[in-house]
Amino acid sequence: MSVIQLYDTTLRDGAQRAGISFTAADKLAIARKLDELGMLYIEGGWPGANPKDSEFFALTKDVTFQNATMVAFGSTRRHGIKCADDPGLNALLSSGAQAATLVGKCSSRQVTQVLETTLEENLEMVASSVEYLRSRGILVFLDAEHFFDGWKDDRDYSIKVLQVAAKAGCACMVLCDTNGGSLPDEVGAAVRDVLLHTDVPVGIHAHNDAELAVANTLAAVQAGAVQVQGTINGFGERCGNANLCSIIPALKLKMSINCVSEAQLGKLTEVSRFVSETANLAPESFMPYVGLSAFSHKAGLHVSGMARWKGAYQHIDPELVGNNPHVLISEQSGRTNIVQRAKEIGVELPTKGSEVAQLLEQVKELESRGFQYENAEASFDLLVYRMSANYKKPFELVDYMVVVEKDRRKGVEQRGDGVLSEAMVKVKVGDKLLHTAAEGDGPVNALDNALRNGLLEYYSGLASVKLTDYKVRILEESTGTESQVRVLIESSDGVKQWRTVGSSTNIIEASWLALADSMEYWLVTNPTVT
């Protein structure tokens, strides 16, 4: 098989995930990325259902997409209403989209118990709606809702719905596992059965309620489905939809189906993270193919094998999907982990050298005190850099003090909580002693502001560095407020991200260690822009 129609529904079905609310501008930015990725169809939303979707389609009228056709989503006409009088169908026509996907019931139980109409009326609703849009020049797909459940309950009726849609001019009948409970063998059998009863192409739209959406999609393709619907990162209602970030490389690399070009496949990780960031969600680290941990290696045996052959513990070359391998450093690491990670950052260490043994012992000692480097690669990299006899710290801490107090001043009370956080920091840059102070929204923010106030005079580029995430974990809960705490800070300069760690029984001290590492790491790795 060489032709597969990739159909993305991130902007409609994906947006139904709890916590996601795309603006029209967000949706347009994502649509451009999906077009670059090689999507043949992009479902933009349900025009007329809400103002944002209508606004999005209005915006796309002035946009030229290189690969994608914009699709509007809607429903078959309501029972008892003529197509010409149905506001939903007419909203599809006025959206300006060249194609439309209509959701139609394919389960007899859904028709009688949810739509509360007759089986014959539902057949006429599907046929007339498809014919109405087709007669006005719109390419029409049918989302055959609850198809697999309906096929198991009343096979003849489910297939009859597809047949009337095909006769009315439907271009592709997309079989939907709407409740997400089907198994791959059931999906394959149903697709093969449908293809015996119609000449119209068949597609697949799977939900992930049984953790089988990707498997069901691939099973449908193996059985003859040609349109594949899904979302980036598997976003969607309940447990989500079929994840295109897993489906696309599986089709191209595992099944030799040329659904995207090699260059487009190489953008997959970038698109995945862009969609997550636009949705204001942290990228899922453990997602196959595109996750940060998808090609991370922690066990010393694995890293040693990878040093000899890249395919030793990787099922594909991560560069094919725009990802990278990562060597994790922890107390379980071997010498090879240390050497490989150092090599990644441009530092050559001999495997049997004393530096490696020293670093390994240092990591084990620090991790016994609460530090953890597998999720704080920047802090580990600094350990490597600091081993060099020529290493010169861009700044050195002399002293700091943090004050948190209830402030009754009028201006502070108007901020809401009436709590003032102020930090004083003394640092040395070269032979210059800098003494600065600043207020902040909490003690960590005050420390951050005070440190910046001093360093910006010498390193103006630090203005681009922002703290993007801050996590605290109590390591010994049984000791209560005296527990060791670990602070993990994620920072970004707008181009790249890095993570640093601090640990102490004092949360301010742990925060300072992670914060100072973040600044030092950026200054060391960006010497030309400081």
Protein backbone atom coordinates (compact mmCIF):
# COMPACT_ATOMS: atom_id res chain seq x y z
CA MET A 1 0.00 0.00 0.00
CA SER A 2 1.44 3.39 -0.97
CA VAL A 3 -1.43 5.87 -0.49
CA ILE A 4 -2.72 6.84 2.94
CA GLN A 5 -4.75 9.98 3.63
CA LEU A 6 -3.54 11.59 6.85
CA TYR A 7 -6.41 13.44 8.49
CA ASP A 8 -5.72 15.53 11.59
CA THR A 9 -8.46 16.44 14.04
CA THR A 10 -6.35 18.07 16.77
CA LEU A 11 -8.15 21.40 16.34
CA ARG A 12 -11.57 19.87 16.93
CA ASP A 13 -11.43 16.45 18.62
CA GLY A 14 -8.08 17.18 20.29
CA ALA A 15 -9.41 20.44 21.72
CA GLN A 16 -12.00 18.42 23.63
CA ARG A 17 -9.30 17.24 26.04
CA ALA A 18 -9.85 18.57 29.57
CA GLY A 19 -7.78 21.70 30.14
CA ILE A 20 -7.30 22.70 26.50
CA SER A 21 -8.80 25.89 25.10
CA PHE A 22 -7.28 27.03 21.80
CA THR A 23 -7.86 30.54 20.54
CA ALA A 24 -8.54 31.04 16.84
CA ALA A 25 -4.97 32.35 16.48
CA ASP A 26 -3.63 29.24 18.26
CA LYS A 27 -5.55 27.02 15.87
CA LEU A 28 -4.19 28.85 12.84
CA ALA A 29 -0.60 28.52 14.12
CA ILE A 30 -1.09 24.78 14.69
CA ALA A 31 -2.72 24.37 11.27
CA ARG A 32 0.38 25.85 9.62
CA LYS A 33 2.59 23.34 11.47
CA LEU A 34 0.31 20.46 10.50
CA ASP A 35 0.51 21.57 6.89
CA GLU A 36 4.31 21.50 7.08
CA LEU A 37 4.10 18.01 8.55
CA GLY A 38 2.28 16.82 5.43
CA MET A 39 -1.32 16.43 6.59
CA LEU A 40 -3.67 15.93 3.65
CA TYR A 41 -6.73 17.04 5.65
CA ILE A 42 -6.99 19.30 8.70
CA GLU A 43 -10.29 19.37 10.54
CA GLY A 44 -10.55 22.93 11.80
CA GLY A 45 -13.63 22.70 14.00
CA TRP A 46 -17.41 22.93 13.98
CA PRO A 47 -18.43 26.25 12.35
CA GLY A 48 -21.57 27.67 13.86
CA ALA A 49 -21.16 25.66 17.07
CA ASN A 50 -19.02 28.35 18.73
CA PRO A 51 -17.58 31.76 17.74
CA LYS A 52 -13.93 30.63 17.86
CA ASP A 53 -14.42 27.93 15.25
CA SER A 54 -16.29 30.33 12.98
CA GLU A 55 -13.48 32.87 13.45
CA PHE A 56 -10.87 30.24 12.60
CA PHE A 57 -12.48 29.39 9.27
CA ALA A 58 -12.75 33.08 8.48
CA LEU A 59 -8.98 33.40 9.11
CA THR A 60 -8.12 30.45 6.86
CA LYS A 61 -9.85 32.00 3.84
CA ASP A 62 -6.78 34.19 3.32
CA VAL A 63 -4.22 31.42 3.96
CA THR A 64 -2.68 29.19 1.30
CA PHE A 65 -1.74 25.76 2.60
CA GLN A 66 0.87 23.76 0.69
CA ASN A 67 -0.38 20.26 1.47
CA ALA A 68 -3.60 20.38 3.44
CA THR A 69 -7.26 20.83 2.61
CA MET A 70 -9.25 22.47 5.40
CA VAL A 71 -12.22 20.41 6.60
CA ALA A 72 -15.26 21.68 8.49
CA PHE A 73 -16.96 19.33 10.93
CA GLY A 74 -20.69 19.04 11.47
CA SER A 75 -23.62 16.71 11.87
CA THR A 76 -26.23 15.25 9.58
CA ARG A 77 -29.44 17.27 9.51
CA ARG A 78 -31.71 17.09 12.53
CA HIS A 79 -34.69 14.82 12.19
CA GLY A 80 -37.85 16.57 11.10
CA ILE A 81 -35.94 19.39 9.35
CA LYS A 82 -35.11 19.77 5.67
CA CYS A 83 -31.44 20.12 4.77
CA ALA A 84 -31.98 23.57 3.30
CA ASP A 85 -33.40 24.72 6.64
CA ASP A 86 -30.78 23.10 8.85
CA PRO A 87 -28.50 25.79 10.37
CA GLY A 88 -25.65 23.32 10.95
CA LEU A 89 -25.40 22.22 7.32
CA ASN A 90 -25.62 25.80 6.08
CA ALA A 91 -22.85 26.85 8.49
CA LEU A 92 -20.63 24.24 6.84
CA LEU A 93 -21.36 25.75 3.43
CA SER A 94 -20.64 29.30 4.57
CA SER A 95 -17.41 28.34 6.33
CA GLY A 96 -15.49 28.41 3.06
CA ALA A 97 -14.03 24.95 3.66
CA GLN A 98 -13.62 22.76 0.58
CA ALA A 99 -14.48 19.59 2.50
CA ALA A 100 -16.82 18.63 5.29
CA THR A 101 -17.04 15.69 7.66
CA LEU A 102 -20.52 14.76 8.82
CA VAL A 103 -21.02 12.68 11.94
CA GLY A 104 -23.83 10.17 11.48
CA LYS A 105 -25.13 7.44 13.73
CA CYS A 106 -24.19 3.90 12.63
CA SER A 107 -25.53 2.05 15.66
CA SER A 108 -29.20 1.10 15.73
CA ARG A 109 -29.26 1.41 19.52
CA GLN A 110 -27.76 4.92 19.32
CA VAL A 111 -30.40 5.91 16.75
CA THR A 112 -33.37 4.77 18.80
CA GLN A 113 -32.09 5.56 22.31
CA VAL A 114 -30.01 8.72 21.80
CA LEU A 115 -31.36 10.37 18.63
CA GLU A 116 -34.82 9.08 19.55
CA THR A 117 -35.83 8.62 15.94
CA THR A 118 -36.53 5.68 13.66
CA LEU A 119 -33.93 3.63 11.86
CA GLU A 120 -35.41 4.64 8.48
CA GLU A 121 -35.38 8.33 9.39
CA ASN A 122 -31.70 8.08 10.34
CA LEU A 123 -30.87 6.52 6.96
CA GLU A 124 -32.65 9.38 5.21
CA MET A 125 -30.89 11.95 7.41
CA VAL A 126 -27.49 10.55 6.41
CA ALA A 127 -28.30 10.24 2.69
CA SER A 128 -29.95 13.64 2.30
CA SER A 129 -27.24 15.49 4.24
CA VAL A 130 -24.43 14.00 2.16
CA GLU A 131 -26.31 14.68 -1.06
CA TYR A 132 -27.11 18.27 -0.01
CA LEU A 133 -23.47 19.18 0.53
CA ARG A 134 -22.21 17.23 -2.49
CA SER A 135 -24.66 19.03 -4.76
CA ARG A 136 -23.06 22.29 -3.67
CA GLY A 137 -19.52 21.22 -4.55
CA ILE A 138 -18.31 20.10 -1.11
CA LEU A 139 -16.17 16.99 -0.68
CA VAL A 140 -17.98 14.95 2.00
CA PHE A 141 -16.67 12.38 4.47
CA LEU A 142 -18.89 10.45 6.87
CA ASP A 143 -17.74 9.92 10.45
CA ALA A 144 -19.63 6.68 11.05
CA GLU A 145 -20.15 7.21 14.77
CA HIS A 146 -20.24 4.13 17.06
CA PHE A 147 -19.68 1.97 13.98
CA PHE A 148 -17.83 -0.91 15.64
CA ASP A 149 -20.27 -1.17 18.55
CA GLY A 150 -23.15 -1.01 16.06
CA TRP A 151 -21.52 -3.62 13.81
CA LYS A 152 -21.32 -6.03 16.73
CA ASP A 153 -24.95 -5.36 17.79
CA ASP A 154 -26.69 -5.06 14.42
CA ARG A 155 -24.24 -5.59 11.59
CA ASP A 156 -26.75 -5.28 8.74
CA TYR A 157 -28.01 -1.87 9.84
CA SER A 158 -24.52 -0.42 10.37
CA ILE A 159 -23.46 -1.47 6.88
CA LYS A 160 -26.71 -0.15 5.41
CA VAL A 161 -25.92 3.33 6.81
CA LEU A 162 -22.60 3.24 4.96
CA GLN A 163 -24.25 2.08 1.76
CA VAL A 164 -26.78 4.94 1.68
CA ALA A 165 -23.94 7.42 2.36
CA ALA A 166 -21.91 5.92 -0.49
CA LYS A 167 -24.86 6.12 -2.88
CA ALA A 168 -25.37 9.81 -1.93
CA GLY A 169 -21.79 10.67 -2.93
CA CYS A 170 -19.71 10.24 0.24
CA ALA A 171 -15.98 10.27 -0.65
CA CYS A 172 -14.80 8.24 2.36
CA MET A 173 -16.61 6.44 5.15
CA VAL A 174 -14.64 6.75 8.37
CA LEU A 175 -15.38 3.96 10.83
CA CYS A 176 -15.37 5.34 14.37
CA ASP A 177 -14.55 3.45 17.54
CA THR A 178 -16.30 6.22 19.43
CA ASN A 179 -16.28 4.61 22.86
CA GLY A 180 -12.73 3.32 22.38
CA GLY A 181 -13.43 -0.21 23.54
CA SER A 182 -12.77 -2.32 20.44
CA LEU A 183 -9.89 -4.76 20.00
CA PRO A 184 -7.55 -4.85 16.97
CA ASP A 185 -8.89 -8.16 15.64
CA GLU A 186 -12.47 -6.82 15.83
CA VAL A 187 -11.47 -3.66 13.97
CA GLY A 188 -9.68 -5.61 11.25
CA ALA A 189 -12.62 -7.97 10.77
CA ALA A 190 -15.12 -5.11 10.56
CA VAL A 191 -13.04 -3.17 8.00
CA ARG A 192 -12.67 -6.25 5.80
CA ASP A 193 -16.43 -6.87 6.04
CA VAL A 194 -17.28 -3.30 5.05
CA LEU A 195 -14.98 -3.45 2.02
CA LEU A 196 -16.95 -6.44 0.77
CA HIS A 197 -20.12 -4.34 0.70
CA THR A 198 -19.00 -0.99 -0.74
CA ASP A 199 -16.60 0.41 -3.32
CA VAL A 200 -16.10 3.70 -1.43
CA PRO A 201 -12.79 4.13 0.47
CA VAL A 202 -12.84 3.44 4.19
CA GLY A 203 -11.13 5.34 7.02
CA ILE A 204 -10.52 4.81 10.73
CA HIS A 205 -11.14 7.10 13.72
CA ALA A 206 -10.14 5.45 17.02
CA HIS A 207 -10.38 6.59 20.63
CA ASN A 208 -7.95 5.43 23.29
CA ASP A 209 -10.18 4.33 26.18
CA ALA A 210 -8.68 0.81 26.15
CA GLU A 211 -5.13 2.02 25.28
CA LEU A 212 -5.56 0.53 21.80
CA ALA A 213 -6.21 3.53 19.55
CA VAL A 214 -2.87 3.28 17.72
CA ALA A 215 -3.05 -0.52 17.48
CA ASN A 216 -6.64 -0.35 16.19
CA THR A 217 -5.66 2.26 13.62
CA LEU A 218 -2.80 0.15 12.28
CA ALA A 219 -5.04 -2.92 12.23
CA ALA A 220 -7.58 -0.99 10.16
CA VAL A 221 -4.87 0.07 7.70
CA GLN A 222 -3.67 -3.53 7.37
CA ALA A 223 -7.27 -4.53 6.63
CA GLY A 224 -7.62 -1.92 3.87
CA ALA A 225 -8.51 1.47 5.44
CA VAL A 226 -6.95 4.36 3.53
CA GLN A 227 -7.88 7.43 5.59
CA VAL A 228 -6.27 7.69 9.04
CA GLN A 229 -7.73 10.14 11.52
CA GLY A 230 -6.00 11.13 14.73
CA THR A 231 -4.57 13.96 16.79
CA ILE A 232 -1.10 15.22 17.64
CA ASN A 233 0.03 13.76 20.99
CA GLY A 234 -3.20 11.76 21.16
CA PHE A 235 -5.10 14.74 22.58
CA GLY A 236 -8.82 14.20 22.87
CA GLU A 237 -11.81 13.68 25.10
CA ARG A 238 -11.62 11.19 28.00
CA CYS A 239 -8.47 9.09 27.36
CA GLY A 240 -7.72 10.77 24.05
CA ASN A 241 -7.61 9.88 20.36
CA ALA A 242 -5.27 7.84 18.20
CA ASN A 243 -1.86 9.50 18.44
CA LEU A 244 -0.56 10.60 15.04
CA CYS A 245 2.92 11.02 16.54
CA SER A 246 3.03 7.23 16.90
CA ILE A 247 0.96 6.34 13.85
CA ILE A 248 2.93 8.32 11.26
CA PRO A 249 6.37 6.78 12.01
CA ALA A 250 4.77 3.35 12.35
CA LEU A 251 3.23 3.68 8.90
CA LYS A 252 6.38 5.00 7.26
CA LEU A 253 9.17 3.19 9.11
CA LYS A 254 7.49 -0.07 10.13
CA MET A 255 4.95 -0.65 7.35
CA SER A 256 6.81 1.07 4.44
CA ILE A 257 3.82 3.31 3.65
CA ASN A 258 5.12 6.58 2.28
CA CYS A 259 2.56 8.83 4.01
CA VAL A 260 5.01 11.71 4.54
CA SER A 261 8.43 12.61 3.18
CA GLU A 262 11.61 12.01 5.16
CA ALA A 263 11.95 15.76 5.72
CA GLN A 264 8.38 15.97 7.03
CA LEU A 265 8.93 12.99 9.33
CA GLY A 266 11.95 14.83 10.73
CA LYS A 267 9.62 17.62 11.92
CA LEU A 268 7.48 15.27 14.02
CA THR A 269 9.08 15.96 17.41
CA GLU A 270 9.06 19.70 16.75
CA VAL A 271 5.35 19.66 15.88
CA SER A 272 4.52 17.51 18.91
CA ARG A 273 6.19 19.95 21.29
CA PHE A 274 4.76 22.99 19.51
CA VAL A 275 1.21 21.69 19.94
CA SER A 276 1.83 20.90 23.62
CA GLU A 277 3.24 24.35 24.27
CA THR A 278 0.39 26.04 22.40
CA ALA A 279 -2.05 24.04 24.52
CA ASN A 280 -0.12 25.20 27.61
CA LEU A 281 0.66 21.60 28.55
CA ALA A 282 4.05 20.17 29.44
CA PRO A 283 5.24 17.79 26.70
CA GLU A 284 4.77 14.15 27.72
CA SER A 285 8.30 12.87 28.36
CA PHE A 286 7.49 9.19 27.94
CA MET A 287 5.59 9.40 24.66
CA PRO A 288 6.96 6.99 22.01
CA TYR A 289 9.04 8.47 19.19
CA VAL A 290 8.75 12.17 20.22
CA GLY A 291 9.05 12.16 24.03
CA LEU A 292 12.17 13.45 25.74
CA SER A 293 12.66 10.02 27.30
CA ALA A 294 11.78 8.03 24.17
CA PHE A 295 15.47 7.45 23.46
CA SER A 296 16.94 8.03 26.92
CA HIS A 297 19.34 5.46 28.32
CA LYS A 298 20.10 5.04 32.01
CA ALA A 299 21.39 1.51 32.59
CA GLY A 300 25.14 1.28 32.24
CA LEU A 301 24.80 -1.95 30.21
CA HIS A 302 22.57 -0.18 27.70
CA VAL A 303 24.83 2.85 27.36
CA SER A 304 27.85 0.60 26.92
CA GLY A 305 26.05 -1.29 24.14
CA MET A 306 24.95 1.97 22.51
CA ALA A 307 28.54 3.17 22.43
CA ARG A 308 29.38 0.19 20.23
CA TRP A 309 26.22 0.17 18.08
CA LYS A 310 23.51 2.82 18.02
CA GLY A 311 20.85 0.23 17.34
CA ALA A 312 21.68 -1.86 20.39
CA TYR A 313 18.80 -0.46 22.46
CA GLN A 314 16.86 1.73 20.00
CA HIS A 315 14.20 0.47 17.59
CA ILE A 316 14.80 3.37 15.17
CA ASP A 317 17.31 6.17 14.66
CA PRO A 318 15.77 9.02 16.72
CA GLU A 319 16.94 11.60 14.19
CA LEU A 320 14.40 10.21 11.70
CA VAL A 321 11.61 11.73 13.79
CA GLY A 322 13.55 14.81 14.86
CA ASN A 323 14.42 13.48 18.32
CA ASN A 324 17.76 12.82 20.00
CA PRO A 325 19.21 10.10 22.22
CA HIS A 326 19.96 11.07 25.82
CA VAL A 327 22.32 9.46 28.29
CA LEU A 328 20.92 9.71 31.82
CA ILE A 329 23.21 10.12 34.76
CA SER A 330 22.36 8.65 38.15
CA GLU A 331 23.77 6.59 40.97
CA GLN A 332 23.07 3.56 38.78
CA SER A 333 25.30 4.88 36.00
CA GLY A 334 28.46 3.21 34.85
CA ARG A 335 31.62 4.83 33.53
CA THR A 336 30.29 4.68 29.97
CA ASN A 337 27.32 6.88 30.91
CA ILE A 338 29.68 9.54 32.19
CA VAL A 339 31.95 9.35 29.14
CA GLN A 340 29.07 9.42 26.64
CA ARG A 341 27.30 12.35 28.29
CA ALA A 342 30.56 14.30 28.48
CA LYS A 343 31.13 13.58 24.79
CA GLU A 344 27.66 14.95 23.97
CA ILE A 345 28.66 18.31 25.46
CA GLY A 346 32.06 18.35 23.79
CA VAL A 347 34.25 17.10 26.64
CA GLU A 348 36.47 14.08 25.95
CA LEU A 349 37.08 11.89 28.99
CA PRO A 350 39.08 8.64 28.91
CA THR A 351 36.92 5.70 30.01
CA LYS A 352 39.53 4.49 32.49
CA GLY A 353 40.67 7.94 33.60
CA SER A 354 40.58 9.15 37.21
CA GLU A 355 38.26 11.99 36.17
CA VAL A 356 35.50 9.53 35.29
CA ALA A 357 35.84 7.63 38.56
CA GLN A 358 35.84 10.91 40.47
CA LEU A 359 32.72 12.15 38.69
CA LEU A 360 30.91 8.87 39.25
CA GLU A 361 31.66 8.94 42.97
CA GLN A 362 30.61 12.59 43.15
CA VAL A 363 27.27 11.79 41.52
CA LYS A 364 26.64 8.91 43.91
CA GLU A 365 27.50 11.09 46.90
CA LEU A 366 25.28 13.97 45.78
CA GLU A 367 22.36 11.66 44.93
CA SER A 368 22.61 10.18 48.42
CA ARG A 369 22.00 13.74 49.64
CA GLY A 370 18.88 14.22 47.52
CA PHE A 371 20.23 15.49 44.18
CA GLN A 372 19.02 13.73 41.04
CA TYR A 373 20.68 14.28 37.68
CA GLU A 374 18.70 12.19 35.21
CA ASN A 375 16.13 15.03 35.00
CA ALA A 376 18.63 17.82 35.56
CA GLU A 377 21.17 17.38 32.81
CA ALA A 378 22.39 20.99 33.03
CA SER A 379 23.51 20.55 36.65
CA PHE A 380 25.42 17.41 35.71
CA ASP A 381 27.03 19.15 32.74
CA LEU A 382 28.30 21.79 35.16
CA LEU A 383 29.95 19.04 37.24
CA VAL A 384 31.79 18.00 34.09
CA TYR A 385 32.83 21.56 33.17
CA ARG A 386 34.00 22.32 36.72
CA MET A 387 36.48 19.42 36.60
CA SER A 388 38.61 21.27 34.08
CA ALA A 389 41.61 23.04 35.57
CA ASN A 390 40.90 25.95 33.22
CA TYR A 391 37.26 26.34 34.25
CA LYS A 392 36.41 29.76 35.59
CA LYS A 393 33.05 30.36 37.20
CA PRO A 394 31.21 33.34 35.67
CA PHE A 395 30.17 34.37 39.20
CA GLU A 396 30.63 33.19 42.78
CA LEU A 397 28.19 33.42 45.65
CA VAL A 398 29.43 35.31 48.70
CA ASP A 399 26.25 35.59 50.73
CA TYR A 400 22.48 35.89 50.49
CA MET A 401 19.60 36.66 52.80
CA VAL A 402 15.85 36.29 52.26
CA VAL A 403 13.15 38.01 54.28
CA VAL A 404 9.47 37.08 54.15
CA GLU A 405 7.15 39.20 56.25
CA LYS A 406 3.58 40.37 56.53
CA ASP A 407 3.64 43.92 55.24
CA ARG A 408 0.88 46.33 56.11
CA ARG A 409 1.88 49.01 53.65
CA LYS A 410 -1.00 50.10 51.45
CA GLY A 411 0.69 49.18 48.18
CA VAL A 412 1.59 45.69 49.37
CA GLU A 413 -1.88 44.99 50.75
CA GLN A 414 -3.39 45.92 47.39
CA ARG A 415 -1.42 43.06 45.78
CA GLY A 416 -3.70 40.62 47.54
CA ASP A 417 -1.91 38.63 50.25
CA GLY A 418 -0.01 41.43 51.98
CA VAL A 419 3.14 39.27 52.15
CA LEU A 420 6.47 40.83 51.19
CA SER A 421 9.43 38.76 49.98
CA GLU A 422 12.79 40.48 49.71
CA ALA A 423 16.23 39.05 48.93
CA MET A 424 19.75 40.41 49.32
CA VAL A 425 22.54 38.79 47.30
CA LYS A 426 26.30 39.28 47.29
CA VAL A 427 28.18 37.77 44.36
CA LYS A 428 31.61 38.24 42.84
CA VAL A 429 32.22 38.66 39.11
CA GLY A 430 35.97 38.50 38.64
CA ASP A 431 37.34 40.74 41.39
CA LYS A 432 34.18 42.86 41.61
CA LEU A 433 31.85 42.40 44.57
CA LEU A 434 28.19 43.02 43.73
CA HIS A 435 25.65 43.67 46.46
CA THR A 436 22.04 43.83 45.25
CA ALA A 437 18.54 43.49 46.66
CA ALA A 438 15.11 42.97 45.15
CA GLU A 439 11.53 42.15 46.03
CA GLY A 440 9.57 39.33 44.43
CA ASP A 441 6.42 37.28 44.38
CA GLY A 442 7.77 34.80 46.88
CA PRO A 443 11.30 34.13 48.14
CA VAL A 444 12.54 32.28 45.04
CA ASN A 445 11.38 35.03 42.71
CA ALA A 446 13.03 37.60 45.00
CA LEU A 447 16.31 35.65 44.87
CA ASP A 448 16.04 35.41 41.10
CA ASN A 449 15.45 39.16 40.76
CA ALA A 450 18.28 40.09 43.13
CA LEU A 451 20.78 37.83 41.36
CA ARG A 452 19.79 39.22 37.98
CA ASN A 453 20.09 42.82 39.19
CA GLY A 454 23.74 42.19 39.93
CA LEU A 455 24.68 40.03 36.95
CA LEU A 456 22.91 41.95 34.16
CA GLU A 457 25.50 44.71 34.39
CA TYR A 458 28.12 42.21 33.19
CA TYR A 459 25.97 39.66 31.33
CA SER A 460 23.16 41.50 29.55
CA GLY A 461 22.14 38.34 27.67
CA LEU A 462 20.73 36.90 30.90
CA ALA A 463 17.65 39.06 30.32
CA SER A 464 16.42 36.38 27.90
CA VAL A 465 16.58 33.61 30.52
CA LYS A 466 13.27 32.86 32.20
CA LEU A 467 12.30 30.34 34.85
CA THR A 468 9.51 28.30 33.21
CA ASP A 469 8.84 25.62 35.82
CA TYR A 470 9.58 25.06 39.50
CA LYS A 471 8.98 21.78 41.32
CA VAL A 472 9.58 20.82 44.93
CA ARG A 473 9.60 17.25 46.24
CA ILE A 474 9.81 16.19 49.86
CA LEU A 475 12.22 13.25 50.01
CA GLU A 476 11.70 12.03 53.60
CA GLU A 477 8.07 12.59 54.49
CA SER A 478 8.39 10.88 57.88
CA THR A 479 10.55 13.72 59.21
CA GLY A 480 7.91 16.38 58.51
CA THR A 481 9.10 19.96 58.08
CA GLU A 482 12.72 18.88 58.67
CA SER A 483 12.66 16.69 55.55
CA GLN A 484 15.23 16.87 52.79
CA VAL A 485 13.71 18.61 49.77
CA ARG A 486 14.68 18.51 46.12
CA VAL A 487 14.03 21.50 43.87
CA LEU A 488 13.95 21.08 40.10
CA ILE A 489 13.99 24.24 37.99
CA GLU A 490 13.33 24.40 34.26
CA SER A 491 14.60 27.46 32.41
CA SER A 492 14.43 28.74 28.85
CA ASP A 493 16.00 31.49 26.77
CA GLY A 494 13.23 31.30 24.18
CA VAL A 495 15.25 28.88 22.03
CA LYS A 496 16.29 26.00 24.24
CA GLN A 497 15.31 24.62 27.63
CA TRP A 498 17.40 23.14 30.43
CA ARG A 499 16.85 21.78 33.92
CA THR A 500 18.85 22.16 37.12
CA VAL A 501 18.56 20.67 40.59
CA GLY A 502 19.22 21.62 44.19
CA SER A 503 18.74 19.69 47.43
CA SER A 504 18.82 20.67 51.08
CA THR A 505 16.81 20.49 54.29
CA ASN A 506 16.24 24.21 53.66
CA ILE A 507 13.91 24.87 50.72
CA ILE A 508 15.46 28.30 50.10
CA GLU A 509 18.96 26.83 49.95
CA ALA A 510 17.79 24.06 47.58
CA SER A 511 16.10 26.67 45.39
CA TRP A 512 19.22 28.84 45.36
CA LEU A 513 21.44 25.93 44.26
CA ALA A 514 19.12 25.11 41.34
CA LEU A 515 18.69 28.77 40.42
CA ALA A 516 22.42 29.54 40.49
CA ASP A 517 23.13 26.44 38.38
CA SER A 518 20.58 27.61 35.82
CA MET A 519 22.28 31.00 35.41
CA GLU A 520 25.79 29.52 35.40
CA TYR A 521 24.85 26.88 32.82
CA TRP A 522 23.47 29.48 30.41
CA LEU A 523 26.51 31.72 30.79
CA VAL A 524 28.91 28.81 30.22
CA THR A 525 27.08 27.48 27.16
CA ASN A 526 26.46 30.92 25.59
CA PRO A 527 29.78 32.74 26.03
CA THR A 528 29.45 34.74 22.80
CA VAL A 529 26.16 36.43 23.69
CA THR A 530 26.93 37.52 27.23
